[in-house]
N, C-alpha and C. Protein backbone atom coordinates (compact mmCIF):
# COMPACT_ATOMS: atom_id res chain seq x y z
N MET A 1 11.41 -14.10 0.54
CA MET A 1 12.32 -15.12 -0.64
C MET A 1 12.28 -16.70 -0.14
N GLY A 2 12.43 -16.20 1.16
CA GLY A 2 12.64 -17.63 2.26
C GLY A 2 13.66 -18.77 1.55
N ASN A 3 14.58 -18.37 0.93
CA ASN A 3 15.53 -19.57 0.61
C ASN A 3 16.74 -19.69 1.35
N SER A 4 16.89 -20.72 2.48
CA SER A 4 18.00 -20.97 3.15
C SER A 4 19.61 -20.97 2.66
N ALA A 5 19.62 -20.81 1.49
CA ALA A 5 20.58 -20.85 0.87
C ALA A 5 21.70 -19.91 0.78
N VAL A 6 20.15 -18.62 0.98
CA VAL A 6 20.51 -16.98 0.92
C VAL A 6 20.77 -16.76 2.29
N PRO A 7 21.97 -16.02 2.43
CA PRO A 7 21.94 -15.54 3.89
C PRO A 7 20.68 -14.50 4.29
N PRO A 8 20.14 -13.90 5.19
CA PRO A 8 18.86 -12.88 5.55
C PRO A 8 19.62 -11.53 4.84
N SER A 9 20.92 -11.29 4.92
CA SER A 9 21.13 -9.46 4.64
C SER A 9 21.18 -9.84 3.44
N VAL A 10 21.73 -10.67 2.77
CA VAL A 10 21.25 -10.80 1.16
C VAL A 10 19.69 -10.76 0.63
N THR A 11 19.14 -11.55 1.57
CA THR A 11 18.02 -11.56 1.19
C THR A 11 17.04 -10.15 0.78
N GLU A 12 17.40 -9.53 2.23
CA GLU A 12 16.85 -8.31 2.74
C GLU A 12 17.16 -7.36 1.01
N LEU A 13 18.15 -7.30 0.72
CA LEU A 13 19.11 -6.30 -0.27
C LEU A 13 18.40 -6.75 -1.66
N ILE A 14 18.18 -7.88 -1.94
CA ILE A 14 17.31 -8.27 -3.07
C ILE A 14 16.36 -7.76 -3.29
N GLU A 15 15.16 -8.37 -1.98
CA GLU A 15 13.84 -7.68 -1.60
C GLU A 15 14.03 -5.93 -1.63
N THR A 16 14.28 -5.16 -0.93
CA THR A 16 14.52 -3.90 -0.90
C THR A 16 14.95 -3.81 -2.43
N LEU A 17 15.78 -3.92 -2.96
CA LEU A 17 15.94 -3.41 -4.71
C LEU A 17 15.04 -3.80 -5.65
N SER A 18 14.21 -5.13 -5.18
CA SER A 18 12.98 -4.90 -6.09
C SER A 18 12.22 -4.11 -5.87
N GLU A 19 12.06 -3.53 -4.74
CA GLU A 19 11.05 -2.31 -4.92
C GLU A 19 11.00 -1.09 -5.62
N LEU A 20 12.60 -0.89 -6.20
CA LEU A 20 12.91 -0.01 -7.44
C LEU A 20 11.83 -0.15 -7.87
N PRO A 21 11.46 1.05 -9.22
CA PRO A 21 11.06 0.74 -10.60
C PRO A 21 11.66 0.24 -11.66
N GLY A 22 11.25 -0.74 -12.10
CA GLY A 22 11.73 -1.15 -13.29
C GLY A 22 12.82 -2.68 -12.74
N VAL A 23 12.95 -2.46 -11.85
CA VAL A 23 14.31 -3.35 -11.12
C VAL A 23 13.18 -4.70 -10.71
N GLY A 24 12.76 -5.62 -11.26
CA GLY A 24 12.62 -7.10 -11.09
C GLY A 24 13.41 -7.95 -10.34
N PRO A 25 12.85 -9.01 -9.28
CA PRO A 25 13.83 -9.72 -8.71
C PRO A 25 15.06 -10.65 -9.17
N LYS A 26 15.22 -10.94 -10.44
CA LYS A 26 16.35 -11.57 -11.50
C LYS A 26 17.20 -9.99 -11.30
N THR A 27 16.52 -8.95 -11.74
CA THR A 27 17.92 -8.06 -11.56
C THR A 27 18.55 -7.35 -10.19
N ALA A 28 17.29 -7.40 -9.69
CA ALA A 28 17.85 -7.17 -8.02
C ALA A 28 18.87 -8.33 -7.47
N SER A 29 18.37 -9.62 -7.77
CA SER A 29 19.61 -10.46 -7.10
C SER A 29 20.85 -10.49 -8.09
N ARG A 30 20.88 -10.15 -9.21
CA ARG A 30 22.21 -9.93 -9.90
C ARG A 30 22.67 -8.73 -9.39
N LEU A 31 21.82 -7.71 -8.93
CA LEU A 31 23.16 -6.27 -8.27
C LEU A 31 23.90 -6.76 -7.17
N ALA A 32 22.91 -7.56 -6.35
CA ALA A 32 23.27 -7.81 -5.20
C ALA A 32 24.38 -9.06 -5.07
N PHE A 33 24.22 -9.44 -5.48
CA PHE A 33 25.47 -10.56 -6.11
C PHE A 33 26.92 -10.20 -6.94
N TYR A 34 26.46 -8.69 -7.48
CA TYR A 34 27.68 -8.07 -8.49
C TYR A 34 28.47 -7.38 -6.82
N LEU A 35 27.43 -6.69 -5.94
CA LEU A 35 27.75 -6.08 -4.81
C LEU A 35 29.05 -7.02 -4.08
N LEU A 36 28.30 -8.09 -3.95
CA LEU A 36 28.89 -8.98 -3.20
C LEU A 36 30.45 -9.48 -3.61
N ARG A 37 30.27 -9.69 -5.04
CA ARG A 37 31.75 -9.98 -5.49
C ARG A 37 32.88 -9.18 -5.52
N GLY A 38 33.54 -8.76 -4.15
CA GLY A 38 34.11 -8.23 -4.30
C GLY A 38 34.42 -6.73 -4.49
N LYS A 39 33.13 -6.18 -4.35
CA LYS A 39 33.12 -4.97 -4.37
C LYS A 39 32.47 -4.15 -3.59
N SER A 40 33.16 -4.56 -2.27
CA SER A 40 32.46 -3.74 -0.85
C SER A 40 32.73 -2.50 -1.27
N GLU A 41 33.75 -1.91 -1.50
CA GLU A 41 34.04 -0.55 -1.31
C GLU A 41 32.73 0.11 -2.72
N LEU A 42 32.74 -0.53 -3.45
CA LEU A 42 31.48 0.23 -3.84
C LEU A 42 30.16 0.20 -3.10
N ALA A 43 29.97 -0.74 -2.44
CA ALA A 43 28.78 -1.28 -1.64
C ALA A 43 28.88 -0.35 -0.67
N LEU A 44 29.83 0.30 -0.32
CA LEU A 44 30.14 1.21 0.82
C LEU A 44 29.79 2.50 0.61
N ARG A 45 30.47 3.04 -0.86
CA ARG A 45 30.24 4.10 -0.98
C ARG A 45 28.67 4.05 -1.40
N LEU A 46 28.04 3.22 -2.23
CA LEU A 46 26.55 3.19 -2.66
C LEU A 46 25.72 3.65 -0.88
N GLY A 47 26.07 3.12 -0.02
CA GLY A 47 25.85 2.67 1.34
C GLY A 47 25.61 4.02 1.74
N ASP A 48 26.77 4.79 1.67
CA ASP A 48 27.23 6.48 1.94
C ASP A 48 26.24 7.41 0.99
N ALA A 49 26.17 7.12 0.06
CA ALA A 49 25.53 8.07 -0.98
C ALA A 49 24.04 8.35 -0.82
N LEU A 50 23.27 6.48 -0.40
CA LEU A 50 22.36 6.79 -0.19
C LEU A 50 21.59 7.51 1.36
N LYS A 51 22.64 7.14 1.88
CA LYS A 51 22.21 7.88 3.29
C LYS A 51 22.31 9.33 3.38
N ALA A 52 23.26 10.09 2.67
CA ALA A 52 23.39 11.52 2.17
C ALA A 52 22.17 11.81 1.84
N LEU A 53 21.39 11.30 0.57
CA LEU A 53 20.52 11.44 0.39
C LEU A 53 19.41 11.70 0.81
N VAL A 54 19.15 10.67 1.76
CA VAL A 54 17.91 10.96 2.65
C VAL A 54 18.34 11.76 3.53
N GLU A 55 19.63 12.29 4.14
CA GLU A 55 20.04 13.16 5.26
C GLU A 55 19.86 14.75 4.54
N ARG A 56 20.26 14.92 3.58
CA ARG A 56 20.76 16.42 3.12
C ARG A 56 19.57 16.70 2.22
N THR A 57 18.44 15.61 1.03
CA THR A 57 18.24 16.29 0.25
C THR A 57 16.54 16.96 0.87
N ARG A 58 15.72 17.54 0.08
CA ARG A 58 14.39 18.30 0.71
C ARG A 58 14.15 18.95 -0.80
N PHE A 59 12.43 19.42 -0.46
CA PHE A 59 12.26 20.02 -1.84
C PHE A 59 12.05 21.51 -1.27
N CYS A 60 12.50 22.21 -2.57
CA CYS A 60 12.77 23.73 -2.69
C CYS A 60 11.41 24.22 -1.82
N SER A 61 11.44 25.41 -1.48
CA SER A 61 9.74 26.13 -0.62
C SER A 61 9.51 26.69 -1.58
N VAL A 62 9.85 26.62 -2.85
CA VAL A 62 9.41 27.93 -4.07
C VAL A 62 8.49 26.56 -5.16
N CYS A 63 9.24 25.97 -5.75
CA CYS A 63 8.98 25.10 -6.99
C CYS A 63 9.13 23.56 -6.62
N TYR A 64 9.54 23.44 -5.33
CA TYR A 64 9.51 21.81 -5.23
C TYR A 64 10.38 20.83 -6.12
N ASN A 65 11.08 21.51 -6.55
CA ASN A 65 12.31 20.63 -7.22
C ASN A 65 13.26 20.12 -5.67
N VAL A 66 13.97 19.26 -6.26
CA VAL A 66 15.02 18.60 -5.25
C VAL A 66 16.10 19.29 -4.93
N THR A 67 16.59 19.50 -3.69
CA THR A 67 17.41 20.81 -3.35
C THR A 67 18.04 19.78 -2.07
N GLU A 68 19.00 20.53 -1.59
CA GLU A 68 20.13 20.69 -0.46
C GLU A 68 19.57 22.06 0.57
N THR A 69 19.14 23.19 -0.21
CA THR A 69 18.81 24.22 0.35
C THR A 69 17.63 24.32 0.60
N ASP A 70 17.02 25.51 1.06
CA ASP A 70 15.64 25.77 1.75
C ASP A 70 15.20 26.22 -0.18
N LEU A 71 16.23 27.09 -1.00
CA LEU A 71 15.72 27.77 -2.04
C LEU A 71 16.85 26.94 -3.12
N CYS A 72 16.00 26.15 -4.01
CA CYS A 72 17.25 26.13 -5.14
C CYS A 72 17.84 26.66 -5.92
N PRO A 73 18.67 26.22 -6.22
CA PRO A 73 19.57 27.11 -7.31
C PRO A 73 19.44 27.74 -8.49
N ILE A 74 17.84 27.44 -8.84
CA ILE A 74 17.03 27.98 -9.85
C ILE A 74 16.33 28.76 -9.27
N CYS A 75 15.81 28.93 -8.32
CA CYS A 75 14.95 29.89 -7.63
C CYS A 75 15.80 30.71 -7.10
N ALA A 76 17.16 30.42 -6.45
CA ALA A 76 17.59 31.46 -5.97
C ALA A 76 18.50 32.03 -6.72
N ASP A 77 18.44 32.17 -8.31
CA ASP A 77 19.06 32.90 -9.00
C ASP A 77 18.27 34.16 -9.44
N GLU A 78 18.84 35.40 -9.21
CA GLU A 78 17.89 36.63 -9.39
C GLU A 78 18.09 36.55 -10.58
N THR A 79 18.63 36.44 -11.74
CA THR A 79 18.87 36.81 -13.41
C THR A 79 17.91 35.78 -14.14
N ARG A 80 17.25 34.71 -13.68
CA ARG A 80 16.30 34.18 -14.28
C ARG A 80 14.88 34.77 -13.93
N ASP A 81 13.85 34.59 -14.98
CA ASP A 81 12.74 35.51 -15.07
C ASP A 81 11.58 34.58 -14.36
N HIS A 82 11.54 34.92 -13.35
CA HIS A 82 10.80 34.34 -12.06
C HIS A 82 9.30 34.83 -12.20
N SER A 83 8.61 35.38 -13.39
CA SER A 83 7.48 35.53 -13.80
C SER A 83 7.41 34.86 -14.62
N GLN A 84 7.95 34.01 -14.92
CA GLN A 84 7.78 32.94 -16.04
C GLN A 84 7.88 31.49 -15.26
N VAL A 85 7.01 30.66 -15.14
CA VAL A 85 6.70 29.39 -14.66
C VAL A 85 6.70 28.59 -15.45
N CYS A 86 7.60 27.29 -15.47
CA CYS A 86 6.99 26.28 -16.17
C CYS A 86 6.70 25.23 -15.31
N VAL A 87 5.80 24.08 -15.49
CA VAL A 87 4.70 23.49 -14.75
C VAL A 87 5.35 22.05 -15.47
N VAL A 88 6.15 20.85 -14.44
CA VAL A 88 6.54 19.89 -14.67
C VAL A 88 6.10 18.74 -13.93
N GLU A 89 6.21 17.57 -14.18
CA GLU A 89 5.91 16.39 -13.25
C GLU A 89 6.59 15.85 -12.44
N GLU A 90 8.08 16.02 -12.70
CA GLU A 90 9.08 15.36 -12.20
C GLU A 90 10.46 16.67 -11.97
N PRO A 91 11.03 16.08 -10.96
CA PRO A 91 12.40 16.86 -11.07
C PRO A 91 13.11 16.64 -11.84
N MET A 92 13.04 15.40 -12.97
CA MET A 92 13.90 14.59 -14.09
C MET A 92 13.48 15.65 -15.00
N ASP A 93 12.40 16.04 -14.92
CA ASP A 93 11.65 16.76 -16.15
C ASP A 93 12.38 18.44 -16.49
N VAL A 94 13.17 18.89 -14.89
CA VAL A 94 13.54 19.94 -14.88
C VAL A 94 15.15 19.76 -15.82
N LEU A 95 15.66 18.80 -15.40
CA LEU A 95 16.92 18.25 -15.80
C LEU A 95 16.77 18.35 -17.16
N ALA A 96 15.71 17.99 -17.81
CA ALA A 96 15.90 17.64 -19.54
C ALA A 96 15.44 19.24 -19.79
N MET A 97 14.65 20.35 -19.30
CA MET A 97 14.54 21.62 -19.87
C MET A 97 15.60 22.26 -19.35
N GLU A 98 16.69 22.18 -18.96
CA GLU A 98 17.48 22.84 -18.55
C GLU A 98 18.59 21.92 -19.50
N ARG A 99 18.74 21.43 -20.04
CA ARG A 99 19.46 20.86 -21.23
C ARG A 99 19.18 21.64 -22.12
N THR A 100 18.24 22.01 -22.25
CA THR A 100 17.93 23.20 -23.41
C THR A 100 18.63 24.41 -23.54
N ASP A 101 19.26 24.67 -22.31
CA ASP A 101 20.09 25.87 -21.83
C ASP A 101 19.71 26.86 -22.50
N GLN A 102 18.30 27.49 -22.90
CA GLN A 102 17.62 28.52 -23.50
C GLN A 102 16.70 28.77 -22.65
N TYR A 103 15.86 28.05 -22.17
CA TYR A 103 14.91 28.59 -20.98
C TYR A 103 15.42 28.92 -19.74
N ARG A 104 15.13 30.87 -19.80
CA ARG A 104 15.75 31.25 -18.45
C ARG A 104 14.31 31.57 -17.23
N GLY A 105 13.45 31.24 -17.29
CA GLY A 105 12.41 30.88 -16.43
C GLY A 105 12.49 30.38 -15.25
N VAL A 106 11.45 30.00 -14.45
CA VAL A 106 11.58 28.80 -13.15
C VAL A 106 10.77 27.54 -13.39
N TYR A 107 10.51 27.10 -12.63
CA TYR A 107 9.90 25.68 -12.51
C TYR A 107 8.60 25.52 -10.97
N HIS A 108 8.16 24.79 -11.67
CA HIS A 108 7.41 24.11 -10.68
C HIS A 108 6.83 22.75 -10.51
N VAL A 109 6.98 21.56 -9.62
CA VAL A 109 7.49 20.37 -10.23
C VAL A 109 6.05 19.78 -9.13
N LEU A 110 5.48 19.27 -10.09
CA LEU A 110 3.93 18.54 -9.55
C LEU A 110 3.83 17.42 -8.78
N HIS A 111 5.47 16.70 -8.65
CA HIS A 111 5.58 15.37 -8.25
C HIS A 111 4.45 14.27 -8.90
N GLY A 112 4.32 14.51 -10.20
CA GLY A 112 3.23 13.29 -10.58
C GLY A 112 2.06 13.68 -11.57
N ALA A 113 1.62 13.03 -12.16
CA ALA A 113 0.28 13.76 -12.91
C ALA A 113 -1.07 12.72 -12.52
N LEU A 114 -1.97 13.32 -12.40
CA LEU A 114 -3.23 12.84 -12.19
C LEU A 114 -3.85 12.00 -13.08
N SER A 115 -3.97 10.72 -11.83
CA SER A 115 -4.39 9.20 -12.18
C SER A 115 -5.20 8.56 -11.34
N PRO A 116 -6.66 9.19 -11.54
CA PRO A 116 -7.27 8.49 -10.48
C PRO A 116 -7.32 6.92 -10.59
N LEU A 117 -7.04 6.18 -11.27
CA LEU A 117 -7.26 4.53 -11.51
C LEU A 117 -5.83 4.17 -10.81
N ASP A 118 -4.65 5.00 -10.61
CA ASP A 118 -3.51 4.98 -9.69
C ASP A 118 -3.89 5.47 -8.39
N GLY A 119 -4.82 6.16 -8.09
CA GLY A 119 -4.99 6.51 -6.77
C GLY A 119 -4.51 7.90 -6.64
N ILE A 120 -3.72 8.70 -7.67
CA ILE A 120 -3.09 9.64 -7.88
C ILE A 120 -4.52 11.00 -7.96
N PHE A 121 -4.88 11.85 -7.33
CA PHE A 121 -5.20 13.19 -7.15
C PHE A 121 -5.06 14.32 -7.01
N ALA A 122 -6.06 15.09 -7.35
CA ALA A 122 -5.12 16.96 -7.23
C ALA A 122 -4.29 17.00 -6.03
N GLU A 123 -5.22 16.06 -4.25
CA GLU A 123 -4.60 16.75 -3.46
C GLU A 123 -3.30 16.00 -3.37
N ASN A 124 -2.77 15.01 -4.32
CA ASN A 124 -1.78 14.55 -4.12
C ASN A 124 -0.56 15.29 -4.48
N LEU A 125 -1.01 15.94 -5.41
CA LEU A 125 0.10 16.56 -6.15
C LEU A 125 0.28 18.17 -5.48
N ARG A 126 1.48 18.97 -6.11
CA ARG A 126 1.59 20.31 -5.81
C ARG A 126 0.65 21.53 -6.51
N ILE A 127 -0.46 20.79 -6.65
CA ILE A 127 -1.30 21.59 -7.15
C ILE A 127 -1.91 23.34 -6.40
N ASN A 128 -2.04 23.11 -5.24
CA ASN A 128 -2.50 23.61 -4.38
C ASN A 128 -1.52 25.25 -4.29
N GLU A 129 0.06 24.36 -4.23
CA GLU A 129 1.13 25.43 -4.18
C GLU A 129 1.44 26.06 -5.31
N LEU A 130 0.77 25.90 -6.66
CA LEU A 130 0.92 26.20 -7.58
C LEU A 130 -0.02 27.43 -7.66
N GLU A 131 -0.85 27.72 -7.43
CA GLU A 131 -2.30 28.50 -7.20
C GLU A 131 -2.29 29.18 -6.56
N THR A 132 -1.48 28.94 -5.01
CA THR A 132 -0.58 29.93 -4.21
C THR A 132 0.30 31.04 -4.87
N ARG A 133 1.09 30.13 -5.41
CA ARG A 133 2.32 30.77 -6.08
C ARG A 133 1.52 32.07 -6.81
N ILE A 134 0.83 31.70 -7.47
CA ILE A 134 0.18 32.73 -9.11
C ILE A 134 -0.38 33.50 -8.41
N ARG A 135 -1.27 33.31 -7.17
CA ARG A 135 -2.08 34.34 -6.86
C ARG A 135 -1.46 35.40 -5.72
N GLN A 136 -0.09 35.19 -6.23
CA GLN A 136 0.74 36.17 -5.22
C GLN A 136 1.59 37.20 -6.14
N GLY A 137 0.24 37.32 -7.54
CA GLY A 137 0.84 38.33 -8.59
C GLY A 137 2.01 38.76 -9.04
N ASN A 138 3.21 37.75 -8.81
CA ASN A 138 4.56 38.06 -9.63
C ASN A 138 4.24 37.15 -10.83
N VAL A 139 3.16 36.26 -11.19
CA VAL A 139 3.51 35.18 -12.46
C VAL A 139 2.87 36.07 -13.56
N ARG A 140 3.45 35.90 -14.73
CA ARG A 140 3.12 36.57 -15.98
C ARG A 140 2.91 35.48 -17.01
N GLU A 141 3.21 34.18 -16.96
CA GLU A 141 3.07 33.47 -17.80
C GLU A 141 3.49 31.52 -17.19
N VAL A 142 2.40 31.12 -17.29
CA VAL A 142 2.57 29.30 -16.64
C VAL A 142 2.45 28.60 -17.54
N ILE A 143 3.77 28.05 -18.23
CA ILE A 143 4.04 27.23 -19.28
C ILE A 143 3.49 25.55 -18.87
N LEU A 144 2.61 24.95 -19.46
CA LEU A 144 2.10 23.87 -19.04
C LEU A 144 3.14 22.27 -19.67
N ALA A 145 4.07 21.74 -18.92
CA ALA A 145 5.04 21.13 -20.13
C ALA A 145 4.95 19.92 -19.51
N THR A 146 3.49 19.06 -18.90
CA THR A 146 3.31 17.93 -18.65
C THR A 146 3.69 16.98 -20.02
N ASN A 147 3.62 16.05 -19.33
CA ASN A 147 4.48 14.59 -20.45
C ASN A 147 3.24 14.47 -21.71
N PRO A 148 3.80 14.46 -22.45
CA PRO A 148 2.58 13.74 -23.84
C PRO A 148 1.66 12.76 -23.89
N THR A 149 1.37 12.23 -22.57
CA THR A 149 0.56 11.24 -22.24
C THR A 149 -0.74 11.05 -21.84
N SER A 150 -1.91 10.06 -21.61
CA SER A 150 -3.07 10.46 -21.11
C SER A 150 -3.22 11.30 -19.80
N GLU A 151 -2.28 10.72 -18.99
CA GLU A 151 -2.19 11.04 -17.68
C GLU A 151 -1.65 12.81 -17.97
N GLY A 152 -0.68 12.77 -18.35
CA GLY A 152 -0.39 14.33 -18.63
C GLY A 152 -1.06 15.35 -19.61
N ASP A 153 -2.14 14.64 -20.30
CA ASP A 153 -3.23 15.91 -20.84
C ASP A 153 -4.18 15.71 -20.04
N TYR A 154 -4.70 14.96 -19.26
CA TYR A 154 -5.75 14.92 -18.21
C TYR A 154 -5.01 16.16 -17.26
N THR A 155 -3.81 16.05 -16.69
CA THR A 155 -3.14 16.90 -15.82
C THR A 155 -3.77 18.28 -16.69
N THR A 156 -3.11 18.64 -17.35
CA THR A 156 -3.30 19.72 -18.22
C THR A 156 -4.66 20.23 -18.23
N SER A 157 -5.21 19.50 -18.29
CA SER A 157 -6.83 20.18 -18.60
C SER A 157 -7.26 20.22 -16.89
N TYR A 158 -6.72 20.07 -16.26
CA TYR A 158 -7.42 19.94 -14.54
C TYR A 158 -6.67 21.26 -14.26
N LEU A 159 -5.73 21.75 -14.88
CA LEU A 159 -5.08 22.85 -14.31
C LEU A 159 -5.58 23.55 -14.91
N LEU A 160 -5.84 23.79 -16.41
CA LEU A 160 -6.33 25.25 -17.10
C LEU A 160 -7.82 25.17 -16.24
N THR A 161 -8.64 24.27 -15.59
CA THR A 161 -9.52 24.76 -15.07
C THR A 161 -9.28 25.28 -13.87
N ARG A 162 -8.73 25.40 -13.28
CA ARG A 162 -8.23 25.68 -11.72
C ARG A 162 -7.26 27.29 -12.11
N LEU A 163 -6.64 27.38 -12.95
CA LEU A 163 -5.63 28.71 -13.58
C LEU A 163 -6.40 29.38 -14.27
N LYS A 164 -7.50 29.22 -14.64
CA LYS A 164 -7.96 30.35 -15.85
C LYS A 164 -8.26 31.36 -15.21
N PRO A 165 -9.04 30.96 -14.37
CA PRO A 165 -9.88 32.51 -13.30
C PRO A 165 -8.76 33.46 -13.06
N LEU A 166 -7.83 32.84 -12.31
CA LEU A 166 -6.48 33.63 -12.10
C LEU A 166 -5.79 34.31 -13.21
N LYS A 167 -6.72 34.65 -13.88
CA LYS A 167 -6.04 35.61 -15.21
C LYS A 167 -5.11 36.06 -15.55
N VAL A 168 -4.15 34.64 -15.85
CA VAL A 168 -2.34 34.77 -16.17
C VAL A 168 -2.57 33.88 -17.22
N LYS A 169 -1.46 34.29 -18.21
CA LYS A 169 -1.08 33.80 -19.77
C LYS A 169 -0.70 32.41 -19.28
N ILE A 170 -1.70 31.50 -20.24
CA ILE A 170 -1.24 29.96 -19.95
C ILE A 170 -0.93 29.52 -21.41
N THR A 171 0.10 28.81 -21.27
CA THR A 171 0.47 28.17 -22.75
C THR A 171 0.70 26.71 -22.78
N ARG A 172 1.15 25.62 -23.23
CA ARG A 172 1.51 24.46 -23.52
C ARG A 172 2.59 24.70 -24.50
N LEU A 173 3.37 23.05 -24.29
CA LEU A 173 4.58 23.04 -24.90
C LEU A 173 3.92 22.61 -26.07
N GLY A 174 4.48 22.95 -27.96
CA GLY A 174 4.38 22.18 -28.81
C GLY A 174 4.63 20.84 -29.14
N ARG A 175 3.55 20.60 -29.74
CA ARG A 175 4.02 19.05 -29.93
C ARG A 175 4.90 18.18 -30.81
N GLY A 176 6.04 18.63 -30.54
CA GLY A 176 7.24 18.42 -31.19
C GLY A 176 7.85 17.28 -30.60
N LEU A 177 6.96 17.28 -29.28
CA LEU A 177 7.02 16.12 -28.45
C LEU A 177 6.50 14.77 -28.92
N PRO A 178 7.53 13.28 -28.68
CA PRO A 178 6.30 12.23 -29.56
C PRO A 178 5.17 12.37 -28.16
N VAL A 179 3.79 11.74 -29.06
CA VAL A 179 2.77 11.35 -28.02
C VAL A 179 3.03 10.10 -27.10
N GLY A 180 2.95 10.12 -25.69
CA GLY A 180 3.18 8.95 -24.89
C GLY A 180 4.62 8.91 -24.59
N GLY A 181 5.30 9.76 -25.15
CA GLY A 181 6.78 9.87 -24.17
C GLY A 181 7.09 11.05 -23.31
N ASP A 182 8.27 10.92 -22.53
CA ASP A 182 8.21 11.58 -21.18
C ASP A 182 9.35 12.59 -21.83
N LEU A 183 9.13 13.96 -21.29
CA LEU A 183 10.54 15.01 -20.95
C LEU A 183 11.95 14.36 -20.73
N GLU A 184 11.79 13.71 -19.91
CA GLU A 184 13.23 13.45 -19.59
C GLU A 184 13.82 12.70 -20.68
N TYR A 185 13.41 11.92 -21.79
CA TYR A 185 13.78 11.11 -22.47
C TYR A 185 14.26 12.29 -23.71
N ALA A 186 13.37 13.07 -24.09
CA ALA A 186 13.73 13.82 -25.42
C ALA A 186 14.95 14.54 -25.15
N ASP A 187 15.26 14.77 -26.67
CA ASP A 187 16.90 15.58 -26.96
C ASP A 187 16.70 16.98 -26.33
N ALA A 188 17.47 17.40 -26.09
CA ALA A 188 17.94 18.93 -26.35
C ALA A 188 16.87 19.60 -27.32
N VAL A 189 16.82 19.45 -28.48
CA VAL A 189 16.73 20.32 -29.97
C VAL A 189 15.24 20.00 -29.55
N THR A 190 14.87 18.87 -29.77
CA THR A 190 13.27 18.59 -29.55
C THR A 190 12.16 19.49 -28.18
N LEU A 191 13.17 19.37 -27.20
CA LEU A 191 12.71 20.36 -26.29
C LEU A 191 12.65 21.69 -26.12
N LEU A 192 14.02 21.80 -27.12
CA LEU A 192 13.67 23.51 -27.37
C LEU A 192 12.84 24.17 -28.34
N ARG A 193 12.42 23.21 -29.53
CA ARG A 193 11.39 23.03 -30.80
C ARG A 193 10.35 23.29 -29.77
N ALA A 194 9.82 22.69 -28.83
CA ALA A 194 8.46 22.34 -28.34
C ALA A 194 8.42 23.76 -27.56
N LEU A 195 9.23 24.00 -27.37
CA LEU A 195 9.48 25.44 -25.85
C LEU A 195 9.00 26.44 -26.76
N GLU A 196 9.73 26.99 -27.55
CA GLU A 196 9.65 27.98 -28.90
C GLU A 196 8.33 28.28 -29.45
N SER A 197 7.78 26.53 -29.89
CA SER A 197 6.18 26.52 -30.65
C SER A 197 5.07 26.53 -29.47
N ARG A 198 5.83 27.15 -28.52
CA ARG A 198 4.45 26.82 -27.38
C ARG A 198 2.98 27.52 -27.62
N GLN A 199 1.87 27.16 -27.22
CA GLN A 199 0.76 27.60 -27.52
C GLN A 199 0.10 28.22 -26.66
N GLU A 200 -0.66 29.26 -26.25
CA GLU A 200 -1.42 29.98 -25.49
C GLU A 200 -3.12 28.93 -25.47
N ILE A 201 -3.23 28.67 -24.40
CA ILE A 201 -4.69 27.80 -24.52
C ILE A 201 -5.30 28.36 -23.20
């Protein structure tokens, strides 16, 4: 930023906030000055929350969802159907699916979608881990729940070529979801209908 009217500590905060998705320099400046304006208690709590986030969270050793324990609560739950695996792009999609309050299987989080133009290839996602999980023989159905976007469709096509030889039932969410949308923004009823109308592929 290089503005001598702004202290280096404020400049550093603004620049750091600007790195967040959807936060431009103006929004970052607004947030920084909001925290400065007598909100020191909030700033300290925010700092503590970010520190805890870095120190305590990890990825589940089975599904790669975000957790604070080796196994996330869903993978550790013996009442869930561990033979049914719903493949999603991001941890936020797990939250969206859980809002339906009807899905009783487990998940596999890819941590993105294939997008060669953005430098995201198969080796950048948790696809090998999904394959290994299926090869272990406990999976009956894989539900492909990638977002209905070009990247999501491309990822689904790629997953099909990788998973078909493994002789497991593969289904895809029904298209009650708007094309170009994200699972995390879909309401629970729409997601439930998409889950119920999934088709084998």
